[in-house]
């Protein structure tokens, strides 16, 4: 019994050390919920003599609940980022590459140069944060691809709803002034008057 509990405790600490590095709330929420549920389940299960089963059931229930709450927080954060970008008059270019796109391509074995070409052709969806870089590194994305993702995103200006968008202003033409000789003096009642 003591040996199983020590193994469970060691596993929990290893998972905590690995899961806390994720940049996503869903991952961290699942980890925290799983650990909390396992602890609570073990305490409740020990009262009936089934601490291991209680810990397993508590961990599963906690991980599901924590993952759902964390996923909702990730969605809120994504909406906030999009709203901020829209209010700044910018939004990602259509088809811009995300961190998840790069990780998926790397895991699928797509050639590094093809991924870099895709990033250069489509731009990145948003500027990279430190957590994004760590996440890509931990998921096997090559340094060259990460460097390509760190290039500034291609953004397009967004016009407010109902705004009239005009083309570029006409070119400016600079003309040289032309000087003509002064007109001859006029005569008024026999007297010449100069201007």
N, C-alpha and C. Protein backbone atom coordinates (compact mmCIF):
# COMPACT_ATOMS: atom_id res chain seq x y z
N UNK A 1 0.82 -1.19 0.00
CA UNK A 1 0.00 0.00 0.00
C UNK A 1 0.87 1.25 0.00
N UNK A 2 1.87 1.29 0.88
CA UNK A 2 2.77 2.43 0.96
C UNK A 2 3.54 2.60 -0.35
N UNK A 3 3.90 1.48 -0.95
CA UNK A 3 4.67 1.52 -2.19
C UNK A 3 3.82 2.10 -3.32
N UNK A 4 2.55 1.72 -3.38
CA UNK A 4 1.66 2.24 -4.42
C UNK A 4 1.42 3.74 -4.23
N UNK A 5 1.27 4.13 -2.98
CA UNK A 5 1.05 5.55 -2.70
C UNK A 5 2.28 6.37 -3.08
N UNK A 6 3.47 5.87 -2.79
CA UNK A 6 4.71 6.57 -3.15
C UNK A 6 4.85 6.66 -4.66
N UNK A 7 4.49 5.60 -5.37
CA UNK A 7 4.54 5.62 -6.83
C UNK A 7 3.55 6.63 -7.39
N UNK A 8 2.35 6.67 -6.84
CA UNK A 8 1.33 7.63 -7.27
C UNK A 8 1.79 9.06 -7.00
N UNK A 9 2.38 9.29 -5.84
CA UNK A 9 2.86 10.61 -5.49
C UNK A 9 4.00 11.05 -6.41
N UNK A 10 4.93 10.15 -6.71
CA UNK A 10 6.02 10.47 -7.62
C UNK A 10 5.50 10.78 -9.02
N UNK A 11 4.55 9.99 -9.47
CA UNK A 11 3.95 10.23 -10.80
C UNK A 11 3.28 11.59 -10.84
N UNK A 12 2.58 11.96 -9.79
CA UNK A 12 1.90 13.26 -9.73
C UNK A 12 2.91 14.41 -9.81
N UNK A 13 4.04 14.29 -9.09
CA UNK A 13 5.03 15.35 -9.11
C UNK A 13 5.70 15.47 -10.48
N UNK A 14 5.94 14.36 -11.14
CA UNK A 14 6.53 14.39 -12.48
C UNK A 14 5.56 15.05 -13.46
N UNK A 15 4.30 14.66 -13.37
CA UNK A 15 3.29 15.26 -14.26
C UNK A 15 3.17 16.75 -13.99
N UNK A 16 3.23 17.14 -12.73
CA UNK A 16 3.12 18.56 -12.39
C UNK A 16 4.29 19.35 -12.98
N UNK A 17 5.48 18.78 -12.89
CA UNK A 17 6.66 19.48 -13.42
C UNK A 17 6.58 19.64 -14.93
N UNK A 18 6.05 18.65 -15.62
CA UNK A 18 5.94 18.71 -17.07
C UNK A 18 4.76 19.56 -17.50
N UNK A 19 3.61 19.38 -16.88
CA UNK A 19 2.39 20.06 -17.30
C UNK A 19 2.37 21.54 -17.00
N UNK A 20 3.07 21.98 -15.98
CA UNK A 20 3.07 23.39 -15.63
C UNK A 20 3.77 24.24 -16.69
N UNK A 21 4.51 23.63 -17.58
CA UNK A 21 5.24 24.38 -18.60
C UNK A 21 4.38 24.71 -19.81
N UNK A 22 3.21 24.14 -19.90
CA UNK A 22 2.35 24.37 -21.06
C UNK A 22 1.85 25.82 -21.07
N UNK A 23 1.79 26.46 -22.27
CA UNK A 23 1.28 27.83 -22.34
C UNK A 23 -0.25 27.89 -22.34
N UNK A 24 -0.92 26.75 -22.34
CA UNK A 24 -2.36 26.73 -22.48
C UNK A 24 -3.04 26.42 -21.16
N UNK A 25 -4.11 27.17 -20.89
CA UNK A 25 -4.86 26.96 -19.65
C UNK A 25 -5.49 25.58 -19.60
N UNK A 26 -5.89 25.04 -20.73
CA UNK A 26 -6.53 23.71 -20.75
C UNK A 26 -5.57 22.65 -20.20
N UNK A 27 -4.32 22.71 -20.61
CA UNK A 27 -3.33 21.73 -20.12
C UNK A 27 -3.09 21.91 -18.62
N UNK A 28 -2.89 23.16 -18.23
CA UNK A 28 -2.62 23.42 -16.81
C UNK A 28 -3.84 23.11 -15.95
N UNK A 29 -5.04 23.41 -16.49
CA UNK A 29 -6.26 23.12 -15.73
C UNK A 29 -6.48 21.63 -15.57
N UNK A 30 -6.20 20.86 -16.62
CA UNK A 30 -6.34 19.39 -16.53
C UNK A 30 -5.36 18.84 -15.52
N UNK A 31 -4.14 19.37 -15.52
CA UNK A 31 -3.14 18.91 -14.56
C UNK A 31 -3.56 19.23 -13.13
N UNK A 32 -3.93 20.48 -12.90
CA UNK A 32 -4.31 20.89 -11.54
C UNK A 32 -5.56 20.13 -11.08
N UNK A 33 -6.52 20.00 -11.97
CA UNK A 33 -7.73 19.26 -11.62
C UNK A 33 -7.44 17.80 -11.33
N UNK A 34 -6.57 17.21 -12.15
CA UNK A 34 -6.20 15.81 -11.95
C UNK A 34 -5.48 15.59 -10.63
N UNK A 35 -4.55 16.48 -10.32
CA UNK A 35 -3.82 16.35 -9.05
C UNK A 35 -4.73 16.56 -7.85
N UNK A 36 -5.55 17.61 -7.94
CA UNK A 36 -6.47 17.87 -6.84
C UNK A 36 -7.48 16.75 -6.66
N UNK A 37 -8.00 16.27 -7.78
CA UNK A 37 -8.97 15.18 -7.73
C UNK A 37 -8.36 13.90 -7.19
N UNK A 38 -7.11 13.64 -7.58
CA UNK A 38 -6.43 12.43 -7.09
C UNK A 38 -6.23 12.51 -5.59
N UNK A 39 -5.81 13.65 -5.10
CA UNK A 39 -5.61 13.82 -3.67
C UNK A 39 -6.91 13.68 -2.89
N UNK A 40 -7.95 14.35 -3.37
CA UNK A 40 -9.24 14.28 -2.69
C UNK A 40 -9.82 12.87 -2.78
N UNK A 41 -9.69 12.24 -3.94
CA UNK A 41 -10.18 10.87 -4.10
C UNK A 41 -9.44 9.89 -3.20
N UNK A 42 -8.12 10.09 -3.04
CA UNK A 42 -7.34 9.21 -2.17
C UNK A 42 -7.77 9.36 -0.72
N UNK A 43 -8.03 10.59 -0.31
CA UNK A 43 -8.47 10.82 1.08
C UNK A 43 -9.83 10.19 1.32
N UNK A 44 -10.75 10.41 0.40
CA UNK A 44 -12.09 9.84 0.56
C UNK A 44 -12.03 8.32 0.45
N UNK A 45 -11.25 7.81 -0.51
CA UNK A 45 -11.13 6.36 -0.70
C UNK A 45 -10.47 5.67 0.46
N UNK A 46 -9.56 6.36 1.16
CA UNK A 46 -8.88 5.72 2.29
C UNK A 46 -9.85 5.45 3.44
N UNK A 47 -10.92 6.21 3.51
CA UNK A 47 -11.92 5.98 4.56
C UNK A 47 -12.63 4.65 4.35
N UNK A 48 -12.75 4.22 3.10
CA UNK A 48 -13.42 2.96 2.80
C UNK A 48 -12.41 1.84 2.53
N UNK A 49 -11.11 2.17 2.56
CA UNK A 49 -10.09 1.16 2.33
C UNK A 49 -9.70 1.03 0.87
N UNK A 50 -10.13 1.94 0.02
CA UNK A 50 -9.82 1.89 -1.41
C UNK A 50 -9.22 3.21 -1.87
N UNK A 51 -8.08 3.56 -1.29
CA UNK A 51 -7.44 4.84 -1.60
C UNK A 51 -7.00 4.91 -3.07
N UNK A 52 -6.48 3.82 -3.61
CA UNK A 52 -6.02 3.81 -5.00
C UNK A 52 -7.16 4.05 -5.98
N UNK A 53 -8.28 3.34 -5.77
CA UNK A 53 -9.43 3.51 -6.66
C UNK A 53 -10.00 4.92 -6.53
N UNK A 54 -10.05 5.42 -5.30
CA UNK A 54 -10.55 6.78 -5.09
C UNK A 54 -9.66 7.80 -5.76
N UNK A 55 -8.35 7.60 -5.69
CA UNK A 55 -7.42 8.52 -6.33
C UNK A 55 -7.57 8.49 -7.84
N UNK A 56 -7.75 7.30 -8.40
CA UNK A 56 -7.90 7.17 -9.86
C UNK A 56 -9.19 7.84 -10.33
N UNK A 57 -10.28 7.59 -9.63
CA UNK A 57 -11.57 8.20 -10.02
C UNK A 57 -11.50 9.71 -9.84
N UNK A 58 -10.92 10.16 -8.72
CA UNK A 58 -10.80 11.60 -8.49
C UNK A 58 -9.91 12.27 -9.51
N UNK A 59 -8.82 11.61 -9.90
CA UNK A 59 -7.91 12.19 -10.90
C UNK A 59 -8.61 12.34 -12.25
N UNK A 60 -9.37 11.31 -12.64
CA UNK A 60 -10.08 11.38 -13.93
C UNK A 60 -11.12 12.51 -13.92
N UNK A 61 -11.91 12.56 -12.85
CA UNK A 61 -12.95 13.60 -12.78
C UNK A 61 -12.32 14.99 -12.71
N UNK A 62 -11.25 15.13 -11.95
CA UNK A 62 -10.58 16.43 -11.84
C UNK A 62 -9.93 16.87 -13.13
N UNK A 63 -9.31 15.92 -13.84
CA UNK A 63 -8.66 16.27 -15.11
C UNK A 63 -9.68 16.71 -16.15
N UNK A 64 -10.81 16.04 -16.20
CA UNK A 64 -11.86 16.42 -17.17
C UNK A 64 -12.40 17.80 -16.85
N UNK A 65 -12.70 18.02 -15.58
CA UNK A 65 -13.24 19.32 -15.17
C UNK A 65 -12.21 20.43 -15.36
N UNK A 66 -10.98 20.20 -14.94
CA UNK A 66 -9.93 21.21 -15.09
C UNK A 66 -9.63 21.52 -16.55
N UNK A 67 -9.65 20.48 -17.40
CA UNK A 67 -9.43 20.70 -18.83
C UNK A 67 -10.53 21.52 -19.46
N UNK A 68 -11.78 21.27 -19.03
CA UNK A 68 -12.91 22.02 -19.58
C UNK A 68 -12.84 23.49 -19.16
N UNK A 69 -12.54 23.73 -17.90
CA UNK A 69 -12.43 25.11 -17.42
C UNK A 69 -11.25 25.81 -18.11
N UNK A 70 -10.12 25.13 -18.20
CA UNK A 70 -8.95 25.71 -18.86
C UNK A 70 -9.20 25.98 -20.34
N UNK A 71 -9.93 25.08 -21.00
CA UNK A 71 -10.27 25.30 -22.41
C UNK A 71 -11.13 26.54 -22.60
N UNK A 72 -12.06 26.74 -21.67
CA UNK A 72 -12.89 27.94 -21.73
C UNK A 72 -12.03 29.19 -21.55
N UNK A 73 -11.05 29.14 -20.66
CA UNK A 73 -10.15 30.28 -20.47
C UNK A 73 -9.30 30.53 -21.72
N UNK A 74 -8.85 29.46 -22.39
CA UNK A 74 -8.11 29.61 -23.65
C UNK A 74 -8.97 30.29 -24.71
N UNK A 75 -10.24 29.91 -24.78
CA UNK A 75 -11.16 30.53 -25.74
C UNK A 75 -11.34 32.02 -25.45
N UNK A 76 -11.48 32.36 -24.17
CA UNK A 76 -11.64 33.76 -23.79
C UNK A 76 -10.39 34.55 -24.18
N UNK A 77 -9.23 33.98 -23.92
CA UNK A 77 -7.98 34.67 -24.26
C UNK A 77 -7.85 34.86 -25.77
N UNK A 78 -8.22 33.86 -26.54
CA UNK A 78 -8.15 33.98 -28.01
C UNK A 78 -9.11 35.07 -28.50
N UNK A 79 -10.31 35.12 -27.93
CA UNK A 79 -11.26 36.17 -28.33
C UNK A 79 -10.74 37.54 -27.94
N UNK A 80 -10.13 37.65 -26.77
CA UNK A 80 -9.57 38.94 -26.35
C UNK A 80 -8.46 39.40 -27.29
N UNK A 81 -7.58 38.48 -27.67
CA UNK A 81 -6.51 38.85 -28.60
C UNK A 81 -7.08 39.31 -29.94
N UNK A 82 -8.10 38.60 -30.42
CA UNK A 82 -8.71 38.99 -31.70
C UNK A 82 -9.40 40.35 -31.59
N UNK A 83 -10.06 40.59 -30.47
CA UNK A 83 -10.74 41.87 -30.28
C UNK A 83 -9.73 43.02 -30.18
N UNK A 84 -8.63 42.80 -29.50
CA UNK A 84 -7.60 43.83 -29.40
C UNK A 84 -7.02 44.12 -30.79
N UNK A 85 -6.76 43.07 -31.54
CA UNK A 85 -6.22 43.26 -32.90
C UNK A 85 -7.21 44.02 -33.77
N UNK A 86 -8.50 43.72 -33.63
CA UNK A 86 -9.52 44.41 -34.43
C UNK A 86 -9.62 45.87 -34.02
N UNK A 87 -9.54 46.16 -32.73
CA UNK A 87 -9.63 47.54 -32.26
C UNK A 87 -8.41 48.35 -32.68
N UNK A 88 -7.28 47.69 -32.84
CA UNK A 88 -6.08 48.39 -33.30
C UNK A 88 -6.09 48.57 -34.81
N UNK A 89 -7.14 48.10 -35.46
CA UNK A 89 -7.24 48.24 -36.89
C UNK A 89 -6.41 47.24 -37.66
N UNK A 90 -6.08 46.15 -37.00
CA UNK A 90 -5.26 45.12 -37.65
C UNK A 90 -5.89 43.77 -37.41
N UNK A 91 -5.68 42.93 -38.37
CA UNK A 91 -6.07 41.54 -38.19
C UNK A 91 -5.13 40.67 -39.01
N UNK A 92 -4.95 39.43 -38.62
CA UNK A 92 -4.01 38.59 -39.35
C UNK A 92 -4.43 38.41 -40.80
N UNK A 93 -3.45 38.29 -41.66
CA UNK A 93 -3.73 38.02 -43.06
C UNK A 93 -4.44 36.67 -43.17
N UNK A 94 -5.36 36.53 -44.13
CA UNK A 94 -6.06 35.24 -44.27
C UNK A 94 -5.05 34.12 -44.51
N UNK A 95 -5.23 33.01 -43.82
CA UNK A 95 -4.34 31.86 -43.98
C UNK A 95 -3.04 31.98 -43.21
N UNK A 96 -2.94 32.98 -42.31
CA UNK A 96 -1.71 33.15 -41.53
C UNK A 96 -1.46 31.91 -40.68
N UNK A 97 -0.20 31.60 -40.47
CA UNK A 97 0.22 30.36 -39.80
C UNK A 97 0.20 30.56 -38.28
N UNK A 98 -0.34 29.58 -37.56
CA UNK A 98 -0.38 29.62 -36.10
C UNK A 98 0.67 28.66 -35.53
N UNK A 99 0.88 28.77 -34.23
CA UNK A 99 1.82 27.89 -33.54
C UNK A 99 1.36 26.43 -33.68
N UNK A 100 0.06 26.20 -33.53
CA UNK A 100 -0.46 24.84 -33.65
C UNK A 100 -0.26 24.28 -35.05
N UNK A 101 -0.37 25.14 -36.08
CA UNK A 101 -0.11 24.69 -37.46
C UNK A 101 1.32 24.18 -37.60
N UNK A 102 2.26 24.94 -37.05
CA UNK A 102 3.68 24.58 -37.18
C UNK A 102 3.98 23.29 -36.43
N UNK A 103 3.41 23.15 -35.21
CA UNK A 103 3.63 21.93 -34.43
C UNK A 103 3.04 20.74 -35.18
N UNK A 104 1.85 20.89 -35.73
CA UNK A 104 1.21 19.78 -36.47
C UNK A 104 2.04 19.39 -37.69
N UNK A 105 2.55 20.38 -38.44
CA UNK A 105 3.36 20.06 -39.61
C UNK A 105 4.66 19.37 -39.21
N UNK A 106 5.28 19.84 -38.12
CA UNK A 106 6.54 19.23 -37.66
C UNK A 106 6.30 17.80 -37.21
N UNK A 107 5.24 17.57 -36.45
CA UNK A 107 4.94 16.21 -35.97
C UNK A 107 4.59 15.28 -37.12
N UNK A 108 4.03 15.83 -38.20
CA UNK A 108 3.65 15.00 -39.34
C UNK A 108 4.83 14.69 -40.25
N UNK A 109 5.99 15.28 -39.95
CA UNK A 109 7.18 14.98 -40.74
C UNK A 109 7.35 15.84 -41.98
N UNK A 110 6.64 16.98 -42.05
CA UNK A 110 6.80 17.87 -43.20
C UNK A 110 8.21 18.44 -43.16
N UNK A 111 8.85 18.52 -44.33
CA UNK A 111 10.22 19.02 -44.44
C UNK A 111 10.31 20.43 -43.88
N UNK A 112 11.39 20.67 -43.15
CA UNK A 112 11.61 21.96 -42.48
C UNK A 112 11.53 23.13 -43.46
N UNK A 113 12.17 23.00 -44.62
CA UNK A 113 12.17 24.10 -45.60
C UNK A 113 10.77 24.36 -46.13
N UNK A 114 9.96 23.33 -46.29
CA UNK A 114 8.58 23.53 -46.74
C UNK A 114 7.77 24.31 -45.71
N UNK A 115 8.01 24.02 -44.43
CA UNK A 115 7.31 24.76 -43.37
C UNK A 115 7.73 26.22 -43.39
N UNK A 116 9.04 26.47 -43.53
CA UNK A 116 9.53 27.85 -43.59
C UNK A 116 8.94 28.58 -44.79
N UNK A 117 8.88 27.91 -45.94
CA UNK A 117 8.28 28.53 -47.14
C UNK A 117 6.81 28.87 -46.90
N UNK A 118 6.10 27.97 -46.23
CA UNK A 118 4.68 28.21 -45.92
C UNK A 118 4.52 29.43 -45.01
N UNK A 119 5.40 29.54 -44.01
CA UNK A 119 5.35 30.69 -43.10
C UNK A 119 5.66 31.98 -43.86
N UNK A 120 6.71 31.94 -44.70
CA UNK A 120 7.09 33.14 -45.46
C UNK A 120 6.01 33.55 -46.44
N UNK A 121 5.30 32.59 -46.99
CA UNK A 121 4.25 32.90 -47.96
C UNK A 121 2.96 33.39 -47.33
N UNK A 122 2.66 32.96 -46.10
CA UNK A 122 1.38 33.29 -45.49
C UNK A 122 1.49 34.21 -44.27
N UNK A 123 2.68 34.37 -43.72
CA UNK A 123 2.85 35.19 -42.53
C UNK A 123 2.41 34.44 -41.29
N UNK A 124 2.61 35.06 -40.13
CA UNK A 124 2.21 34.45 -38.88
C UNK A 124 0.96 35.14 -38.37
N UNK A 125 0.14 34.39 -37.63
CA UNK A 125 -1.14 34.91 -37.17
C UNK A 125 -0.99 35.96 -36.09
N UNK A 126 0.02 35.83 -35.24
CA UNK A 126 0.22 36.80 -34.16
C UNK A 126 1.67 36.76 -33.73
N UNK A 127 2.14 37.83 -33.10
CA UNK A 127 3.53 37.83 -32.63
C UNK A 127 3.77 36.71 -31.62
N UNK A 128 4.95 36.14 -31.66
CA UNK A 128 5.27 35.03 -30.77
C UNK A 128 5.53 35.53 -29.36
N UNK A 129 4.99 34.80 -28.41
CA UNK A 129 5.26 35.05 -26.99
C UNK A 129 6.29 34.02 -26.55
N UNK A 130 6.89 34.24 -25.39
CA UNK A 130 7.90 33.31 -24.88
C UNK A 130 7.32 31.91 -24.72
N UNK A 131 6.08 31.81 -24.24
CA UNK A 131 5.44 30.50 -24.07
C UNK A 131 5.26 29.77 -25.41
N UNK A 132 4.98 30.54 -26.47
CA UNK A 132 4.83 29.92 -27.79
C UNK A 132 6.14 29.29 -28.24
N UNK A 133 7.23 30.00 -28.02
CA UNK A 133 8.55 29.49 -28.44
C UNK A 133 8.91 28.25 -27.64
N UNK A 134 8.66 28.29 -26.32
CA UNK A 134 8.93 27.12 -25.48
C UNK A 134 8.08 25.93 -25.93
N UNK A 135 6.81 26.19 -26.21
CA UNK A 135 5.90 25.12 -26.65
C UNK A 135 6.38 24.49 -27.95
N UNK A 136 6.80 25.32 -28.91
CA UNK A 136 7.29 24.78 -30.18
C UNK A 136 8.56 23.97 -29.97
N UNK A 137 9.48 24.47 -29.14
CA UNK A 137 10.72 23.76 -28.87
C UNK A 137 10.44 22.41 -28.24
N UNK A 138 9.53 22.36 -27.27
CA UNK A 138 9.21 21.12 -26.57
C UNK A 138 8.51 20.12 -27.48
N UNK A 139 7.90 20.61 -28.56
CA UNK A 139 7.19 19.71 -29.47
C UNK A 139 7.99 19.40 -30.73
N UNK A 140 9.29 19.61 -30.68
CA UNK A 140 10.16 19.16 -31.75
C UNK A 140 10.23 20.04 -32.97
N UNK A 141 9.80 21.30 -32.88
CA UNK A 141 9.90 22.20 -34.02
C UNK A 141 11.35 22.67 -34.13
N UNK A 142 11.89 22.66 -35.33
CA UNK A 142 13.31 22.99 -35.52
C UNK A 142 13.57 24.48 -35.26
N UNK A 143 14.80 24.83 -34.89
CA UNK A 143 15.15 26.24 -34.65
C UNK A 143 14.93 27.14 -35.87
N UNK A 144 15.15 26.62 -37.08
CA UNK A 144 14.94 27.43 -38.28
C UNK A 144 13.47 27.79 -38.45
N UNK A 145 12.58 26.85 -38.15
CA UNK A 145 11.15 27.12 -38.27
C UNK A 145 10.72 28.10 -37.18
N UNK A 146 11.25 27.93 -35.97
CA UNK A 146 10.92 28.87 -34.89
C UNK A 146 11.39 30.27 -35.25
N UNK A 147 12.58 30.38 -35.85
CA UNK A 147 13.09 31.69 -36.28
C UNK A 147 12.18 32.31 -37.34
N UNK A 148 11.67 31.50 -38.24
CA UNK A 148 10.75 32.02 -39.26
C UNK A 148 9.45 32.51 -38.63
N UNK A 149 9.00 31.82 -37.57
CA UNK A 149 7.77 32.23 -36.89
C UNK A 149 7.96 33.54 -36.12
N UNK A 150 9.19 33.91 -35.81
CA UNK A 150 9.44 35.12 -35.06
C UNK A 150 9.47 36.37 -35.93
N UNK A 151 9.33 36.21 -37.23
CA UNK A 151 9.28 37.37 -38.11
C UNK A 151 7.98 38.12 -37.83
N UNK A 152 7.96 39.45 -38.01
CA UNK A 152 6.73 40.21 -37.74
C UNK A 152 5.58 39.69 -38.60
N UNK A 153 4.36 39.67 -38.02
CA UNK A 153 3.22 39.15 -38.77
C UNK A 153 2.82 40.07 -39.91
N UNK A 154 2.33 39.45 -41.00
CA UNK A 154 1.76 40.23 -42.10
C UNK A 154 0.36 40.62 -41.67
N UNK A 155 0.12 41.91 -41.58
CA UNK A 155 -1.19 42.37 -41.13
C UNK A 155 -1.84 43.15 -42.25
N UNK A 156 -3.15 43.16 -42.26
CA UNK A 156 -3.91 43.96 -43.21
C UNK A 156 -4.75 44.94 -42.42
N UNK A 157 -4.88 46.14 -42.95
CA UNK A 157 -5.66 47.16 -42.26
C UNK A 157 -7.14 46.80 -42.35
N UNK A 158 -7.84 46.96 -41.26
CA UNK A 158 -9.27 46.68 -41.23
C UNK A 158 -10.01 48.00 -41.16
N UNK A 159 -10.97 48.19 -42.05
CA UNK A 159 -11.78 49.40 -42.04
C UNK A 159 -12.95 49.21 -41.09
N UNK A 160 -13.33 50.28 -40.35
CA UNK A 160 -14.49 50.14 -39.48
C UNK A 160 -15.75 49.87 -40.30
N UNK A 161 -16.76 49.23 -39.71
CA UNK A 161 -17.99 48.94 -40.47
C UNK A 161 -18.60 50.22 -41.02
N UNK A 162 -19.01 50.19 -42.27
CA UNK A 162 -19.66 51.33 -42.91
C UNK A 162 -18.70 52.40 -43.40
N UNK A 163 -17.42 52.21 -43.24
CA UNK A 163 -16.45 53.22 -43.67
C UNK A 163 -16.24 53.14 -45.17
N UNK A 164 -16.00 54.29 -45.77
CA UNK A 164 -15.70 54.35 -47.19
C UNK A 164 -14.18 54.34 -47.32
N UNK A 165 -13.67 53.40 -48.06
CA UNK A 165 -12.23 53.27 -48.22
C UNK A 165 -11.85 53.77 -49.61
N UNK A 166 -10.98 54.77 -49.64
CA UNK A 166 -10.52 55.33 -50.89
C UNK A 166 -9.17 54.75 -51.24
N UNK A 167 -8.82 54.84 -52.49
CA UNK A 167 -7.52 54.37 -52.95
C UNK A 167 -6.42 55.31 -52.47
N UNK A 168 -5.21 55.06 -52.93
CA UNK A 168 -4.09 55.92 -52.51
C UNK A 168 -4.28 57.34 -53.03
N UNK A 169 -3.68 58.34 -52.39
CA UNK A 169 -3.83 59.72 -52.87
C UNK A 169 -3.14 59.89 -54.21
N UNK A 170 -3.57 60.90 -54.97
CA UNK A 170 -2.92 61.11 -56.27
C UNK A 170 -1.47 61.53 -56.08
N UNK A 171 -0.64 61.31 -57.08
CA UNK A 171 0.76 61.68 -56.93
C UNK A 171 0.92 63.20 -56.85
N UNK A 172 1.95 63.62 -56.17
CA UNK A 172 2.24 65.05 -56.03
C UNK A 172 3.15 65.45 -57.17
N UNK A 173 2.76 66.53 -57.89
CA UNK A 173 3.55 67.03 -59.01
C UNK A 173 4.16 68.36 -58.61
N UNK A 174 5.47 68.46 -58.71
CA UNK A 174 6.16 69.70 -58.39
C UNK A 174 6.52 70.37 -59.71
N UNK A 175 6.00 71.58 -59.92
CA UNK A 175 6.27 72.30 -61.16
C UNK A 175 7.24 73.44 -60.88
N UNK A 176 8.10 73.71 -61.84
CA UNK A 176 9.03 74.83 -61.72
C UNK A 176 8.28 76.12 -62.12
N UNK A 177 8.42 77.16 -61.33
CA UNK A 177 7.73 78.41 -61.70
C UNK A 177 8.34 79.00 -62.98
N UNK A 178 7.48 79.63 -63.76
CA UNK A 178 7.92 80.28 -65.00
C UNK A 178 7.79 81.78 -64.81
N UNK A 179 8.85 82.51 -65.08
CA UNK A 179 8.85 83.96 -64.92
C UNK A 179 8.78 84.60 -66.31
N UNK A 180 7.82 85.52 -66.48
CA UNK A 180 7.69 86.25 -67.72
C UNK A 180 8.24 87.66 -67.52
N UNK A 181 8.71 88.30 -68.61
CA UNK A 181 9.19 89.68 -68.45
C UNK A 181 8.02 90.61 -68.06
N UNK A 182 8.32 91.66 -67.33
CA UNK A 182 7.23 92.55 -66.92
C UNK A 182 6.59 93.24 -68.14
N UNK A 183 5.31 93.55 -68.00
CA UNK A 183 4.64 94.24 -69.13
C UNK A 183 5.20 95.66 -69.31
N UNK A 184 5.03 96.18 -70.49
CA UNK A 184 5.53 97.56 -70.71
C UNK A 184 4.72 98.56 -69.87
N UNK A 185 5.31 99.68 -69.52
CA UNK A 185 4.58 100.67 -68.72
C UNK A 185 3.39 101.22 -69.49
N UNK A 186 2.29 101.52 -68.73
CA UNK A 186 1.10 102.09 -69.35
C UNK A 186 1.16 103.61 -69.28
N UNK A 187 0.48 104.19 -70.17
CA UNK A 187 0.47 105.66 -70.22
C UNK A 187 -0.89 106.14 -69.75
N UNK A 188 -0.91 107.07 -68.85
CA UNK A 188 -2.16 107.68 -68.41
C UNK A 188 -2.04 109.18 -68.60
N UNK A 189 -2.77 109.74 -69.47
CA UNK A 189 -2.82 111.15 -69.79
C UNK A 189 -1.45 111.71 -70.07
N UNK A 190 -0.71 110.95 -70.78
CA UNK A 190 0.60 111.40 -71.22
C UNK A 190 1.71 111.18 -70.21
N UNK A 191 1.41 110.63 -69.05
CA UNK A 191 2.42 110.38 -68.04
C UNK A 191 2.57 108.88 -67.89
N UNK A 192 3.77 108.40 -67.90
CA UNK A 192 3.97 106.96 -67.76
C UNK A 192 3.85 106.57 -66.29
N UNK A 193 3.09 105.53 -66.05
CA UNK A 193 2.87 105.04 -64.69
C UNK A 193 3.47 103.65 -64.59
N UNK A 194 4.28 103.46 -63.63
CA UNK A 194 4.91 102.15 -63.43
C UNK A 194 4.12 101.37 -62.37
N UNK A 195 4.03 100.14 -62.60
CA UNK A 195 3.34 99.27 -61.61
C UNK A 195 4.23 98.96 -60.48
